[in-house]
Protein backbone atom coordinates (compact mmCIF):
# COMPACT_ATOMS: atom_id res chain seq x y z
CA MET A 1 -35.63 -31.80 -9.42
CA THR A 2 -36.07 -32.94 -5.84
CA THR A 3 -33.08 -34.39 -4.02
CA TYR A 4 -33.68 -37.36 -1.74
CA TYR A 5 -31.19 -38.27 0.96
CA TYR A 6 -31.01 -41.94 1.86
CA GLN A 7 -28.81 -41.52 4.89
CA PRO A 8 -28.19 -38.90 7.55
CA LEU A 9 -25.65 -36.23 6.70
CA PRO A 10 -22.04 -37.47 6.95
CA ASP A 11 -20.24 -36.35 10.08
CA LEU A 12 -17.25 -34.41 8.77
CA PRO A 13 -14.59 -33.34 11.29
CA GLN A 14 -15.07 -29.80 12.58
CA SER A 15 -11.48 -28.88 11.70
CA LEU A 16 -12.17 -29.82 8.07
CA LEU A 17 -15.38 -27.77 8.01
CA THR A 18 -13.41 -24.84 9.42
CA TYR A 19 -10.78 -25.29 6.69
CA PHE A 20 -13.44 -25.11 3.97
CA THR A 21 -14.93 -21.99 5.55
CA GLN A 22 -11.51 -20.31 5.79
CA GLN A 23 -10.85 -21.10 2.13
CA GLY A 24 -14.17 -19.50 1.15
CA TYR A 25 -15.68 -22.75 -0.15
CA PRO A 26 -19.40 -22.95 0.71
CA LEU A 27 -20.60 -26.43 1.61
CA SER A 28 -24.03 -27.59 0.52
CA LEU A 29 -25.51 -30.90 1.65
CA LYS A 30 -24.57 -32.52 -1.66
CA LYS A 31 -20.98 -31.28 -1.39
CA LYS A 32 -20.73 -32.80 2.09
CA TYR A 33 -21.81 -36.19 0.72
CA ILE A 34 -19.27 -35.91 -2.10
CA ILE A 35 -16.46 -34.87 0.25
CA ALA A 36 -17.24 -37.69 2.69
CA GLN A 37 -16.95 -40.25 -0.10
CA ILE A 38 -13.71 -38.75 -1.43
CA LEU A 39 -12.17 -38.76 2.04
CA ALA A 40 -13.14 -42.40 2.45
CA LEU A 41 -11.16 -43.37 -0.67
CA ASN A 42 -8.01 -45.26 0.16
CA THR A 43 -7.35 -46.45 -3.38
CA ASP A 44 -7.43 -44.80 -6.80
CA THR A 45 -11.04 -44.49 -7.94
CA ASP A 46 -12.44 -43.17 -11.19
CA ILE A 47 -15.25 -40.64 -11.32
CA ASP A 48 -17.82 -43.23 -12.49
CA LEU A 49 -17.39 -45.41 -9.42
CA LEU A 50 -17.32 -42.36 -7.18
CA LEU A 51 -20.55 -41.06 -8.74
CA TYR A 52 -22.16 -44.48 -8.22
CA LYS A 53 -21.15 -44.58 -4.56
CA ILE A 54 -22.39 -41.03 -3.96
CA GLY A 55 -25.65 -41.81 -5.75
CA ALA A 56 -26.30 -44.48 -3.15
CA TYR A 57 -26.42 -41.77 -0.46
CA CYS A 58 -28.43 -39.08 -2.18
CA SER A 59 -30.20 -38.64 -5.50
CA SER A 60 -29.64 -36.20 -8.34
CA ILE A 61 -25.89 -35.72 -7.92
CA SER A 62 -24.52 -34.74 -11.31
CA ARG A 63 -21.18 -35.73 -12.78
CA SER A 64 -20.26 -32.06 -13.04
CA SER A 65 -20.92 -31.50 -9.30
CA VAL A 66 -18.59 -34.36 -8.40
CA TYR A 67 -16.00 -33.13 -10.89
CA LEU A 68 -16.06 -29.54 -9.55
CA VAL A 69 -15.63 -30.72 -5.94
CA LEU A 70 -12.77 -33.00 -7.03
CA GLN A 71 -11.08 -30.17 -8.92
CA TRP A 72 -11.31 -27.88 -5.90
CA MET A 73 -9.93 -30.59 -3.61
CA VAL A 74 -7.06 -31.33 -6.01
CA ALA A 75 -6.26 -27.60 -6.27
CA ASN A 76 -6.14 -27.40 -2.45
CA ASP A 77 -4.09 -30.61 -2.13
CA LEU A 78 -6.83 -32.56 -0.33
CA ALA A 79 -7.14 -35.10 -3.16
CA ILE A 80 -4.65 -36.60 -5.59
CA LYS A 81 -5.37 -36.85 -9.31
CA THR A 82 -3.55 -39.56 -11.29
CA VAL A 83 -3.74 -39.92 -15.08
CA TYR A 84 -3.05 -43.32 -16.67
CA ASN A 85 -2.75 -44.53 -20.25
CA ASP A 86 -1.99 -41.20 -21.94
CA ASP A 87 -5.00 -39.29 -20.56
CA LEU A 88 -7.47 -42.09 -21.20
CA LYS A 89 -8.24 -42.78 -17.54
CA VAL A 90 -8.21 -40.39 -14.59
CA TYR A 91 -8.27 -41.62 -10.99
CA TYR A 92 -8.67 -39.76 -7.69
CA LYS A 93 -8.00 -40.54 -4.04
CA ALA A 94 -7.77 -38.63 -0.78
CA ASN A 95 -4.38 -37.07 0.02
CA THR A 96 -3.79 -38.81 3.34
CA GLU A 97 -0.51 -36.95 4.00
CA LYS A 98 -2.26 -33.57 3.81
CA LEU A 99 -5.16 -34.81 5.97
CA ILE A 100 -2.76 -36.14 8.61
CA SER A 101 -0.84 -32.86 8.59
CA MET A 102 -4.18 -31.12 9.27
CA HIS A 103 -4.64 -33.53 12.23
CA LEU A 104 -7.54 -35.24 10.47
CA PRO A 105 -8.03 -38.97 10.20
CA PRO A 106 -7.23 -40.19 6.67
CA LEU A 107 -10.54 -42.04 6.44
CA VAL A 108 -13.95 -40.73 7.39
CA GLU A 109 -16.27 -43.43 8.69
CA VAL A 110 -19.24 -43.65 6.34
CA ALA A 111 -22.15 -46.05 6.77
CA ASP A 112 -22.37 -48.26 3.69
CA PHE A 113 -25.53 -49.80 2.32
CA GLU A 114 -27.09 -51.07 -0.87
CA PRO A 115 -27.86 -48.36 -3.44
CA ARG A 116 -31.31 -46.84 -3.15
CA SER A 117 -32.04 -48.95 -0.10
CA HIS A 118 -32.77 -47.96 3.44
CA SER A 119 -31.12 -50.95 5.08
CA PHE A 120 -27.86 -49.70 6.54
CA VAL A 121 -24.71 -51.76 6.96
CA THR A 122 -21.91 -50.44 9.14
CA GLY A 123 -18.51 -50.08 7.49
CA VAL A 124 -16.44 -47.99 5.14
């Protein structure tokens, strides 16, 4: 299946890219889109909404790809996993304390636009 990218590659901080390299985590283009969206989270978000937002930036991102990136980020303390209602709902958000301790901004500026559209709107 062909992957189509609807926006230029997110500009992740060089220190974060270096961190991923040091940890032995290879970054594909899709992973960079997923990571950019996770870092932009400032509230608890479930995987469905996250998958929808990522799907607006590039096609053919699977739920398992998003889940694997989230699991790696949670294991390395870059994201926080919260379980509500006796394991019925799982939410994720960026770990801003860890990002600040790494001298990274807690939010990564991501251009936002309508899903599957090429008209860009500036914002987070």
